[in-house]
């Protein structure tokens, strides 16, 4: 049995049992794909695919087991290649990161700049996505790691590392009455037009839930899915807003912020990586740049833990 046969089988499954698409993905012909599968079945003396004429309709139970083990073998080969490439004196390659917009815009800029200076021969590919997309991309291997707030239900092959908590603040235009309150209450905030995140955001969900629990119905004038958009409309005098403190920077000269941790509990951000993927030296270094507590030893300990869906250093 060869690695090409294993890749061929996985491609057949990954392309919906369509031999033509699997052949293109394997850079071979459809008859060659059929021959490789037939050869495997003959060698193993089991039926891998169930056929109806020229069509493949399903994968047998034995075939499913073979596909799972084939994927593991191919992952091990890929990891071996990465390990060998790490033994050289120079770090070359690609770092593929997926992040939510908030983290890509307000957290990772400085980290990526420092990383690029230290590893000039590593290409950086940053993709912005939703929480669900980031988890899916990391789980499937489309990216090396994800950064941001992530869904509670994560794929089993991922491990979460908690780099830092995210506190929240009320922002308002300069000289707004709410800014005279050092510790505003929900009633104080509810007196003014409110700009919030939409329901897809954890902050939006949290704000809605806490106001509802307190029996207060805020006057929501606008919902958006970006802290930068929310800040722009607050600066324009459309209302006040509750945003993550990390979204406020020195360039925001037309608004001011007040911490509201006493009203809205901090959320946890996450770095997420696959348990079975070989992490190269520069990938460990990137994680440590985001959160210094996550040294290589701590990351390896978290990945090796039996229940490593969520872990604290």
C-alpha atoms as a PDB file:
ATOM      1  CA  UNK A   1       0.000   0.000   0.000  1.00  0.00           C
ATOM      2  CA  UNK A   2       1.395   3.423  -0.944  1.00  0.00           C
ATOM      3  CA  UNK A   3       0.936   6.978   0.302  1.00  0.00           C
ATOM      4  CA  UNK A   4      -0.505   7.873  -3.093  1.00  0.00           C
ATOM      5  CA  UNK A   5      -3.210   5.254  -2.626  1.00  0.00           C
ATOM      6  CA  UNK A   6      -4.049   6.610   0.824  1.00  0.00           C
ATOM      7  CA  UNK A   7      -4.239  10.186  -0.491  1.00  0.00           C
ATOM      8  CA  UNK A   8      -6.372   8.993  -3.362  1.00  0.00           C
ATOM      9  CA  UNK A   9      -8.843   7.282  -1.028  1.00  0.00           C
ATOM     10  CA  UNK A  10      -9.103  10.364   1.202  1.00  0.00           C
ATOM     11  CA  UNK A  11      -9.659  12.559  -1.853  1.00  0.00           C
ATOM     12  CA  UNK A  12     -12.472  10.308  -3.044  1.00  0.00           C
ATOM     13  CA  UNK A  13     -14.213  10.704   0.319  1.00  0.00           C
ATOM     14  CA  UNK A  14     -13.454  14.425   0.570  1.00  0.00           C
ATOM     15  CA  UNK A  15     -14.935  15.049  -2.881  1.00  0.00           C
ATOM     16  CA  UNK A  16     -18.277  13.430  -2.183  1.00  0.00           C
ATOM     17  CA  UNK A  17     -17.336  10.048  -3.731  1.00  0.00           C
ATOM     18  CA  UNK A  18     -16.958  11.770  -7.095  1.00  0.00           C
ATOM     19  CA  UNK A  19     -14.115  10.030  -8.920  1.00  0.00           C
ATOM     20  CA  UNK A  20     -13.611  12.805 -11.477  1.00  0.00           C
ATOM     21  CA  UNK A  21     -13.092  15.490  -8.830  1.00  0.00           C
ATOM     22  CA  UNK A  22     -10.939  13.136  -6.760  1.00  0.00           C
ATOM     23  CA  UNK A  23      -8.770  12.446  -9.828  1.00  0.00           C
ATOM     24  CA  UNK A  24      -8.199  16.156 -10.392  1.00  0.00           C
ATOM     25  CA  UNK A  25      -7.276  16.644  -6.729  1.00  0.00           C
ATOM     26  CA  UNK A  26      -4.830  13.734  -6.958  1.00  0.00           C
ATOM     27  CA  UNK A  27      -3.395  14.993 -10.269  1.00  0.00           C
ATOM     28  CA  UNK A  28      -4.215  11.753 -12.022  1.00  0.00           C
ATOM     29  CA  UNK A  29      -6.945  10.217 -14.178  1.00  0.00           C
ATOM     30  CA  UNK A  30     -10.267   8.706 -13.167  1.00  0.00           C
ATOM     31  CA  UNK A  31      -9.243   5.193 -14.348  1.00  0.00           C
ATOM     32  CA  UNK A  32      -6.062   5.506 -12.255  1.00  0.00           C
ATOM     33  CA  UNK A  33      -8.140   6.383  -9.174  1.00  0.00           C
ATOM     34  CA  UNK A  34     -10.401   3.392  -9.764  1.00  0.00           C
ATOM     35  CA  UNK A  35      -7.383   1.115 -10.188  1.00  0.00           C
ATOM     36  CA  UNK A  36      -5.752   2.342  -6.959  1.00  0.00           C
ATOM     37  CA  UNK A  37      -8.917   1.735  -4.943  1.00  0.00           C
ATOM     38  CA  UNK A  38      -9.391  -1.721  -6.512  1.00  0.00           C
ATOM     39  CA  UNK A  39      -5.767  -2.590  -5.740  1.00  0.00           C
ATOM     40  CA  UNK A  40      -6.214  -1.590  -2.105  1.00  0.00           C
ATOM     41  CA  UNK A  41      -9.373  -3.682  -1.814  1.00  0.00           C
ATOM     42  CA  UNK A  42      -7.602  -6.693  -3.313  1.00  0.00           C
ATOM     43  CA  UNK A  43      -4.561  -6.265  -1.061  1.00  0.00           C
ATOM     44  CA  UNK A  44      -6.627  -5.840   2.125  1.00  0.00           C
ATOM     45  CA  UNK A  45      -9.276  -8.357   1.057  1.00  0.00           C
ATOM     46  CA  UNK A  46     -12.110  -6.018   2.053  1.00  0.00           C
ATOM     47  CA  UNK A  47     -14.655  -3.922   0.196  1.00  0.00           C
ATOM     48  CA  UNK A  48     -13.887  -0.237   0.740  1.00  0.00           C
ATOM     49  CA  UNK A  49     -16.493   1.414  -1.490  1.00  0.00           C
ATOM     50  CA  UNK A  50     -20.027   0.316  -2.302  1.00  0.00           C
ATOM     51  CA  UNK A  51     -20.768   0.667  -6.013  1.00  0.00           C
ATOM     52  CA  UNK A  52     -23.951   0.802  -8.057  1.00  0.00           C
ATOM     53  CA  UNK A  53     -22.861   0.361 -11.634  1.00  0.00           C
ATOM     54  CA  UNK A  54     -20.218   2.984 -12.263  1.00  0.00           C
ATOM     55  CA  UNK A  55     -21.326   5.113  -9.323  1.00  0.00           C
ATOM     56  CA  UNK A  56     -19.958   4.969  -5.786  1.00  0.00           C
ATOM     57  CA  UNK A  57     -22.842   5.262  -3.348  1.00  0.00           C
ATOM     58  CA  UNK A  58     -21.211   4.930   0.070  1.00  0.00           C
ATOM     59  CA  UNK A  59     -18.173   3.845   2.076  1.00  0.00           C
ATOM     60  CA  UNK A  60     -18.255   0.525   3.932  1.00  0.00           C
ATOM     61  CA  UNK A  61     -17.620   0.300   7.672  1.00  0.00           C
ATOM     62  CA  UNK A  62     -14.190  -1.175   6.948  1.00  0.00           C
ATOM     63  CA  UNK A  63     -13.607   1.638   4.473  1.00  0.00           C
ATOM     64  CA  UNK A  64     -14.470   4.266   7.080  1.00  0.00           C
ATOM     65  CA  UNK A  65     -11.920   2.759   9.463  1.00  0.00           C
ATOM     66  CA  UNK A  66      -9.333   2.720   6.682  1.00  0.00           C
ATOM     67  CA  UNK A  67     -10.014   6.368   5.809  1.00  0.00           C
ATOM     68  CA  UNK A  68      -9.587   7.415   9.451  1.00  0.00           C
ATOM     69  CA  UNK A  69      -6.265   5.598   9.716  1.00  0.00           C
ATOM     70  CA  UNK A  70      -5.148   6.885   6.310  1.00  0.00           C
ATOM     71  CA  UNK A  71      -5.765  10.441   7.452  1.00  0.00           C
ATOM     72  CA  UNK A  72      -3.648   9.826  10.553  1.00  0.00           C
ATOM     73  CA  UNK A  73      -0.804   8.389   8.463  1.00  0.00           C
ATOM     74  CA  UNK A  74      -0.899  11.371   6.100  1.00  0.00           C
ATOM     75  CA  UNK A  75      -0.943  13.796   9.049  1.00  0.00           C
ATOM     76  CA  UNK A  76       2.070  12.009  10.527  1.00  0.00           C
ATOM     77  CA  UNK A  77       3.918  12.293   7.219  1.00  0.00           C
ATOM     78  CA  UNK A  78       3.117  15.996   6.978  1.00  0.00           C
ATOM     79  CA  UNK A  79       4.241  16.504  10.588  1.00  0.00           C
ATOM     80  CA  UNK A  80       7.457  14.605   9.865  1.00  0.00           C
ATOM     81  CA  UNK A  81       8.230  16.904   6.937  1.00  0.00           C
ATOM     82  CA  UNK A  82       7.636  19.951   9.151  1.00  0.00           C
ATOM     83  CA  UNK A  83       9.828  18.518  11.916  1.00  0.00           C
ATOM     84  CA  UNK A  84      12.673  17.916   9.466  1.00  0.00           C
ATOM     85  CA  UNK A  85      12.369  21.450   8.072  1.00  0.00           C
ATOM     86  CA  UNK A  86      12.641  22.795  11.637  1.00  0.00           C
ATOM     87  CA  UNK A  87      16.027  21.174  12.201  1.00  0.00           C
ATOM     88  CA  UNK A  88      17.768  23.647   9.882  1.00  0.00           C
ATOM     89  CA  UNK A  89      19.231  26.903  11.061  1.00  0.00           C
ATOM     90  CA  UNK A  90      16.703  29.121   9.232  1.00  0.00           C
ATOM     91  CA  UNK A  91      12.969  29.428   9.798  1.00  0.00           C
ATOM     92  CA  UNK A  92      11.141  29.427   6.487  1.00  0.00           C
ATOM     93  CA  UNK A  93       7.555  28.667   5.671  1.00  0.00           C
ATOM     94  CA  UNK A  94       4.095  30.104   6.111  1.00  0.00           C
ATOM     95  CA  UNK A  95       2.125  31.068   9.197  1.00  0.00           C
ATOM     96  CA  UNK A  96      -1.625  30.918   8.549  1.00  0.00           C
ATOM     97  CA  UNK A  97      -3.710  32.735  11.149  1.00  0.00           C
ATOM     98  CA  UNK A  98      -7.468  33.198  11.386  1.00  0.00           C
ATOM     99  CA  UNK A  99      -8.814  35.881  13.715  1.00  0.00           C
ATOM    100  CA  UNK A 100     -11.955  37.806  14.448  1.00  0.00           C
ATOM    101  CA  UNK A 101     -11.918  41.366  13.145  1.00  0.00           C
ATOM    102  CA  UNK A 102     -11.519  42.832  16.648  1.00  0.00           C
ATOM    103  CA  UNK A 103      -8.361  40.842  17.355  1.00  0.00           C
ATOM    104  CA  UNK A 104      -6.935  41.252  13.858  1.00  0.00           C
ATOM    105  CA  UNK A 105      -7.416  45.022  14.042  1.00  0.00           C
ATOM    106  CA  UNK A 106      -6.605  45.818  17.670  1.00  0.00           C
ATOM    107  CA  UNK A 107      -4.396  43.018  19.044  1.00  0.00           C
ATOM    108  CA  UNK A 108      -2.421  41.313  16.312  1.00  0.00           C
ATOM    109  CA  UNK A 109      -1.046  44.349  14.461  1.00  0.00           C
ATOM    110  CA  UNK A 110       1.866  44.849  16.859  1.00  0.00           C
ATOM    111  CA  UNK A 111       2.379  41.107  17.307  1.00  0.00           C
ATOM    112  CA  UNK A 112       2.599  40.482  13.559  1.00  0.00           C
ATOM    113  CA  UNK A 113       4.935  43.436  13.116  1.00  0.00           C
ATOM    114  CA  UNK A 114       7.334  42.063  15.772  1.00  0.00           C
ATOM    115  CA  UNK A 115       7.023  38.539  14.396  1.00  0.00           C
ATOM    116  CA  UNK A 116       7.818  39.720  10.870  1.00  0.00           C
ATOM    117  CA  UNK A 117      11.004  41.396  12.080  1.00  0.00           C
ATOM    118  CA  UNK A 118      12.153  38.248  13.882  1.00  0.00           C
ATOM    119  CA  UNK A 119      11.158  35.811  11.120  1.00  0.00           C
ATOM    120  CA  UNK A 120      11.523  37.702   7.826  1.00  0.00           C
ATOM    121  CA  UNK A 121      11.494  34.484   5.774  1.00  0.00           C
ATOM    122  CA  UNK A 122       8.123  33.328   7.109  1.00  0.00           C
ATOM    123  CA  UNK A 123       5.136  34.376   5.014  1.00  0.00           C
ATOM    124  CA  UNK A 124       2.168  35.506   7.116  1.00  0.00           C
ATOM    125  CA  UNK A 125      -1.365  34.839   5.914  1.00  0.00           C
ATOM    126  CA  UNK A 126      -4.049  36.505   8.074  1.00  0.00           C
ATOM    127  CA  UNK A 127      -7.706  35.667   7.437  1.00  0.00           C
ATOM    128  CA  UNK A 128     -10.569  37.410   9.224  1.00  0.00           C
ATOM    129  CA  UNK A 129     -13.631  35.314  10.013  1.00  0.00           C
ATOM    130  CA  UNK A 130     -16.450  34.647  12.420  1.00  0.00           C
ATOM    131  CA  UNK A 131     -16.058  32.576  15.579  1.00  0.00           C
ATOM    132  CA  UNK A 132     -17.545  29.496  13.899  1.00  0.00           C
ATOM    133  CA  UNK A 133     -15.447  29.904  10.753  1.00  0.00           C
ATOM    134  CA  UNK A 134     -12.222  30.194  12.749  1.00  0.00           C
ATOM    135  CA  UNK A 135     -12.952  26.980  14.649  1.00  0.00           C
ATOM    136  CA  UNK A 136     -13.803  25.150  11.420  1.00  0.00           C
ATOM    137  CA  UNK A 137     -10.761  26.413   9.502  1.00  0.00           C
ATOM    138  CA  UNK A 138      -8.392  25.482  12.309  1.00  0.00           C
ATOM    139  CA  UNK A 139      -9.970  22.051  12.775  1.00  0.00           C
ATOM    140  CA  UNK A 140      -9.717  21.241   9.048  1.00  0.00           C
ATOM    141  CA  UNK A 141      -6.114  22.432   8.793  1.00  0.00           C
ATOM    142  CA  UNK A 142      -6.882  25.360   6.483  1.00  0.00           C
ATOM    143  CA  UNK A 143      -5.125  27.608   9.010  1.00  0.00           C
ATOM    144  CA  UNK A 144      -2.490  26.859  11.646  1.00  0.00           C
ATOM    145  CA  UNK A 145      -4.195  28.652  14.520  1.00  0.00           C
ATOM    146  CA  UNK A 146      -7.142  30.849  15.416  1.00  0.00           C
ATOM    147  CA  UNK A 147      -7.277  33.918  17.664  1.00  0.00           C
ATOM    148  CA  UNK A 148     -10.361  35.549  19.149  1.00  0.00           C
ATOM    149  CA  UNK A 149     -13.543  34.779  21.009  1.00  0.00           C
ATOM    150  CA  UNK A 150     -14.664  31.338  19.943  1.00  0.00           C
ATOM    151  CA  UNK A 151     -17.822  29.203  20.199  1.00  0.00           C
ATOM    152  CA  UNK A 152     -18.382  27.141  23.336  1.00  0.00           C
ATOM    153  CA  UNK A 153     -18.714  23.924  21.340  1.00  0.00           C
ATOM    154  CA  UNK A 154     -15.373  23.263  19.701  1.00  0.00           C
ATOM    155  CA  UNK A 155     -14.246  20.401  17.418  1.00  0.00           C
ATOM    156  CA  UNK A 156     -12.648  17.603  19.437  1.00  0.00           C
ATOM    157  CA  UNK A 157      -9.275  17.904  17.684  1.00  0.00           C
ATOM    158  CA  UNK A 158      -8.683  21.461  18.943  1.00  0.00           C
ATOM    159  CA  UNK A 159      -7.116  22.769  22.137  1.00  0.00           C
ATOM    160  CA  UNK A 160      -7.842  26.256  23.465  1.00  0.00           C
ATOM    161  CA  UNK A 161      -5.230  28.434  25.167  1.00  0.00           C
ATOM    162  CA  UNK A 162      -6.463  31.471  27.082  1.00  0.00           C
ATOM    163  CA  UNK A 163      -4.133  34.432  26.383  1.00  0.00           C
ATOM    164  CA  UNK A 164      -5.957  37.323  28.088  1.00  0.00           C
ATOM    165  CA  UNK A 165      -9.384  38.388  29.398  1.00  0.00           C
ATOM    166  CA  UNK A 166     -11.356  41.079  27.603  1.00  0.00           C
ATOM    167  CA  UNK A 167     -12.952  43.762  29.766  1.00  0.00           C
ATOM    168  CA  UNK A 168     -15.621  46.162  28.516  1.00  0.00           C
ATOM    169  CA  UNK A 169     -16.219  49.873  28.775  1.00  0.00           C
ATOM    170  CA  UNK A 170     -18.857  52.493  28.064  1.00  0.00           C
ATOM    171  CA  UNK A 171     -17.784  54.976  25.404  1.00  0.00           C
ATOM    172  CA  UNK A 172     -19.357  58.356  24.809  1.00  0.00           C
ATOM    173  CA  UNK A 173     -18.619  61.642  23.013  1.00  0.00           C
ATOM    174  CA  UNK A 174     -16.499  64.150  24.918  1.00  0.00           C
ATOM    175  CA  UNK A 175     -18.457  66.057  27.604  1.00  0.00           C
ATOM    176  CA  UNK A 176     -21.327  63.526  27.581  1.00  0.00           C
ATOM    177  CA  UNK A 177     -23.107  63.410  30.984  1.00  0.00           C
ATOM    178  CA  UNK A 178     -22.433  59.661  31.425  1.00  0.00           C
ATOM    179  CA  UNK A 179     -18.705  60.428  31.663  1.00  0.00           C
ATOM    180  CA  UNK A 180     -19.263  62.198  34.960  1.00  0.00           C
ATOM    181  CA  UNK A 181     -20.207  58.851  36.500  1.00  0.00           C
ATOM    182  CA  UNK A 182     -17.109  57.016  37.759  1.00  0.00           C
ATOM    183  CA  UNK A 183     -19.133  53.828  38.200  1.00  0.00           C
ATOM    184  CA  UNK A 184     -22.309  54.093  36.104  1.00  0.00           C
ATOM    185  CA  UNK A 185     -25.270  51.815  36.757  1.00  0.00           C
ATOM    186  CA  UNK A 186     -27.398  50.034  34.170  1.00  0.00           C
ATOM    187  CA  UNK A 187     -30.098  52.659  34.792  1.00  0.00           C
ATOM    188  CA  UNK A 188     -27.575  55.420  34.090  1.00  0.00           C
ATOM    189  CA  UNK A 189     -26.621  53.802  30.790  1.00  0.00           C
ATOM    190  CA  UNK A 190     -30.260  53.083  29.916  1.00  0.00           C
ATOM    191  CA  UNK A 191     -31.168  56.772  30.038  1.00  0.00           C
ATOM    192  CA  UNK A 192     -29.318  57.490  26.799  1.00  0.00           C
ATOM    193  CA  UNK A 193     -29.558  56.242  23.203  1.00  0.00           C
ATOM    194  CA  UNK A 194     -27.459  53.080  22.967  1.00  0.00           C
ATOM    195  CA  UNK A 195     -25.424  51.688  20.085  1.00  0.00           C
ATOM    196  CA  UNK A 196     -24.703  47.962  20.442  1.00  0.00           C
ATOM    197  CA  UNK A 197     -23.200  44.981  18.693  1.00  0.00           C
ATOM    198  CA  UNK A 198     -25.658  42.784  16.829  1.00  0.00           C
ATOM    199  CA  UNK A 199     -26.777  39.377  18.127  1.00  0.00           C
ATOM    200  CA  UNK A 200     -23.905  37.520  16.415  1.00  0.00           C
ATOM    201  CA  UNK A 201     -21.415  39.090  18.809  1.00  0.00           C
ATOM    202  CA  UNK A 202     -20.856  37.720  22.314  1.00  0.00           C
ATOM    203  CA  UNK A 203     -20.760  41.297  23.599  1.00  0.00           C
ATOM    204  CA  UNK A 204     -24.081  41.999  21.909  1.00  0.00           C
ATOM    205  CA  UNK A 205     -25.599  38.873  23.457  1.00  0.00           C
ATOM    206  CA  UNK A 206     -24.159  39.724  26.894  1.00  0.00           C
ATOM    207  CA  UNK A 207     -25.418  43.317  26.892  1.00  0.00           C
ATOM    208  CA  UNK A 208     -28.898  42.234  25.811  1.00  0.00           C
ATOM    209  CA  UNK A 209     -29.030  39.512  28.470  1.00  0.00           C
ATOM    210  CA  UNK A 210     -27.844  41.710  31.348  1.00  0.00           C
ATOM    211  CA  UNK A 211     -30.275  44.520  30.553  1.00  0.00           C
ATOM    212  CA  UNK A 212     -33.121  41.993  30.239  1.00  0.00           C
ATOM    213  CA  UNK A 213     -32.222  40.389  33.588  1.00  0.00           C
ATOM    214  CA  UNK A 214     -32.303  43.827  35.230  1.00  0.00           C
ATOM    215  CA  UNK A 215     -35.708  44.539  33.687  1.00  0.00           C
ATOM    216  CA  UNK A 216     -34.387  47.510  31.734  1.00  0.00           C
ATOM    217  CA  UNK A 217     -35.170  48.110  28.073  1.00  0.00           C
ATOM    218  CA  UNK A 218     -32.449  50.307  26.571  1.00  0.00           C
ATOM    219  CA  UNK A 219     -33.155  52.677  23.711  1.00  0.00           C
ATOM    220  CA  UNK A 220     -31.075  50.941  21.023  1.00  0.00           C
ATOM    221  CA  UNK A 221     -30.622  53.272  18.059  1.00  0.00           C
ATOM    222  CA  UNK A 222     -28.157  51.201  16.031  1.00  0.00           C
ATOM    223  CA  UNK A 223     -26.664  47.694  15.929  1.00  0.00           C
ATOM    224  CA  UNK A 224     -23.390  46.933  14.185  1.00  0.00           C
ATOM    225  CA  UNK A 225     -20.837  44.119  14.028  1.00  0.00           C
ATOM    226  CA  UNK A 226     -17.644  46.200  14.262  1.00  0.00           C
ATOM    227  CA  UNK A 227     -16.136  48.179  17.146  1.00  0.00           C
ATOM    228  CA  UNK A 228     -14.688  50.679  14.666  1.00  0.00           C
ATOM    229  CA  UNK A 229     -18.131  51.356  13.187  1.00  0.00           C
ATOM    230  CA  UNK A 230     -19.660  51.668  16.645  1.00  0.00           C
ATOM    231  CA  UNK A 231     -16.952  54.140  17.715  1.00  0.00           C
ATOM    232  CA  UNK A 232     -17.541  56.234  14.600  1.00  0.00           C
ATOM    233  CA  UNK A 233     -21.257  56.562  15.327  1.00  0.00           C
ATOM    234  CA  UNK A 234     -20.630  57.341  18.989  1.00  0.00           C
ATOM    235  CA  UNK A 235     -18.190  60.085  17.921  1.00  0.00           C
ATOM    236  CA  UNK A 236     -20.917  61.401  15.596  1.00  0.00           C
ATOM    237  CA  UNK A 237     -23.218  61.867  18.577  1.00  0.00           C
ATOM    238  CA  UNK A 238     -25.639  59.036  17.777  1.00  0.00           C
ATOM    239  CA  UNK A 239     -25.461  57.589  21.289  1.00  0.00           C
ATOM    240  CA  UNK A 240     -23.215  55.814  23.779  1.00  0.00           C
ATOM    241  CA  UNK A 241     -21.999  52.220  23.476  1.00  0.00           C
ATOM    242  CA  UNK A 242     -20.528  49.266  25.329  1.00  0.00           C
ATOM    243  CA  UNK A 243     -17.448  47.849  23.608  1.00  0.00           C
ATOM    244  CA  UNK A 244     -14.355  45.822  24.457  1.00  0.00           C
ATOM    245  CA  UNK A 245     -11.681  47.964  26.117  1.00  0.00           C
ATOM    246  CA  UNK A 246      -9.044  46.650  23.697  1.00  0.00           C
ATOM    247  CA  UNK A 247     -10.853  48.479  20.871  1.00  0.00           C
ATOM    248  CA  UNK A 248     -10.005  51.889  22.376  1.00  0.00           C
ATOM    249  CA  UNK A 249      -6.700  53.478  21.403  1.00  0.00           C
ATOM    250  CA  UNK A 250      -4.873  56.808  21.410  1.00  0.00           C
ATOM    251  CA  UNK A 251      -6.320  57.745  18.037  1.00  0.00           C
ATOM    252  CA  UNK A 252      -9.839  57.858  19.501  1.00  0.00           C
ATOM    253  CA  UNK A 253      -9.609  61.538  20.490  1.00  0.00           C
ATOM    254  CA  UNK A 254     -13.294  62.366  20.072  1.00  0.00           C
ATOM    255  CA  UNK A 255     -14.590  59.789  22.568  1.00  0.00           C
ATOM    256  CA  UNK A 256     -13.840  58.778  26.148  1.00  0.00           C
ATOM    257  CA  UNK A 257     -14.268  55.457  27.945  1.00  0.00           C
ATOM    258  CA  UNK A 258     -15.277  54.301  31.430  1.00  0.00           C
ATOM    259  CA  UNK A 259     -14.623  50.758  32.649  1.00  0.00           C
ATOM    260  CA  UNK A 260     -17.801  48.787  33.393  1.00  0.00           C
ATOM    261  CA  UNK A 261     -16.406  45.467  34.647  1.00  0.00           C
ATOM    262  CA  UNK A 262     -18.770  45.833  37.610  1.00  0.00           C
ATOM    263  CA  UNK A 263     -21.716  45.513  35.192  1.00  0.00           C
ATOM    264  CA  UNK A 264     -20.470  43.312  32.373  1.00  0.00           C
ATOM    265  CA  UNK A 265     -18.067  40.478  33.266  1.00  0.00           C
ATOM    266  CA  UNK A 266     -14.917  40.082  31.220  1.00  0.00           C
ATOM    267  CA  UNK A 267     -14.887  37.469  28.461  1.00  0.00           C
ATOM    268  CA  UNK A 268     -12.015  35.169  27.627  1.00  0.00           C
ATOM    269  CA  UNK A 269     -10.185  35.314  24.349  1.00  0.00           C
ATOM    270  CA  UNK A 270      -8.627  32.167  22.930  1.00  0.00           C
ATOM    271  CA  UNK A 271      -5.747  30.936  20.832  1.00  0.00           C
ATOM    272  CA  UNK A 272      -6.785  27.636  19.270  1.00  0.00           C
ATOM    273  CA  UNK A 273      -4.546  25.024  17.634  1.00  0.00           C
ATOM    274  CA  UNK A 274      -4.928  21.407  16.580  1.00  0.00           C
ATOM    275  CA  UNK A 275      -3.779  18.679  18.940  1.00  0.00           C
ATOM    276  CA  UNK A 276      -2.387  16.480  16.176  1.00  0.00           C
ATOM    277  CA  UNK A 277      -0.602  19.155  14.126  1.00  0.00           C
ATOM    278  CA  UNK A 278       3.149  19.624  14.449  1.00  0.00           C
ATOM    279  CA  UNK A 279       3.853  23.157  15.636  1.00  0.00           C
ATOM    280  CA  UNK A 280       6.980  24.677  14.180  1.00  0.00           C
ATOM    281  CA  UNK A 281       9.332  26.795  16.270  1.00  0.00           C
ATOM    282  CA  UNK A 282       8.091  30.051  14.769  1.00  0.00           C
ATOM    283  CA  UNK A 283       4.483  29.039  15.523  1.00  0.00           C
ATOM    284  CA  UNK A 284       5.346  28.547  19.201  1.00  0.00           C
ATOM    285  CA  UNK A 285       7.070  31.942  19.119  1.00  0.00           C
ATOM    286  CA  UNK A 286       3.979  33.614  17.665  1.00  0.00           C
ATOM    287  CA  UNK A 287       1.780  32.176  20.422  1.00  0.00           C
ATOM    288  CA  UNK A 288       4.228  33.454  23.060  1.00  0.00           C
ATOM    289  CA  UNK A 289       4.196  36.907  21.441  1.00  0.00           C
ATOM    290  CA  UNK A 290       0.414  37.024  21.775  1.00  0.00           C
ATOM    291  CA  UNK A 291       0.582  35.780  25.384  1.00  0.00           C
ATOM    292  CA  UNK A 292       4.007  35.316  27.058  1.00  0.00           C
ATOM    293  CA  UNK A 293       2.616  32.859  29.625  1.00  0.00           C
ATOM    294  CA  UNK A 294       2.109  30.322  26.830  1.00  0.00           C
ATOM    295  CA  UNK A 295       5.648  29.058  26.508  1.00  0.00           C
ATOM    296  CA  UNK A 296       6.448  26.039  24.358  1.00  0.00           C
ATOM    297  CA  UNK A 297       6.370  23.829  27.451  1.00  0.00           C
ATOM    298  CA  UNK A 298       2.955  25.110  28.531  1.00  0.00           C
ATOM    299  CA  UNK A 299       1.509  24.739  25.036  1.00  0.00           C
ATOM    300  CA  UNK A 300       2.780  21.149  24.786  1.00  0.00           C
ATOM    301  CA  UNK A 301       1.393  20.365  28.236  1.00  0.00           C
ATOM    302  CA  UNK A 302      -2.036  21.691  27.237  1.00  0.00           C
ATOM    303  CA  UNK A 303      -2.048  19.763  23.976  1.00  0.00           C
ATOM    304  CA  UNK A 304      -1.094  16.530  25.725  1.00  0.00           C
ATOM    305  CA  UNK A 305      -3.723  16.852  28.462  1.00  0.00           C
ATOM    306  CA  UNK A 306      -6.488  14.206  28.230  1.00  0.00           C
ATOM    307  CA  UNK A 307      -9.209  16.856  28.455  1.00  0.00           C
ATOM    308  CA  UNK A 308      -7.659  19.769  26.639  1.00  0.00           C
ATOM    309  CA  UNK A 309     -10.693  21.540  25.179  1.00  0.00           C
ATOM    310  CA  UNK A 310      -9.905  24.518  27.408  1.00  0.00           C
ATOM    311  CA  UNK A 311      -6.797  25.029  29.439  1.00  0.00           C
ATOM    312  CA  UNK A 312      -5.162  27.734  31.608  1.00  0.00           C
ATOM    313  CA  UNK A 313      -1.439  28.223  31.900  1.00  0.00           C
END
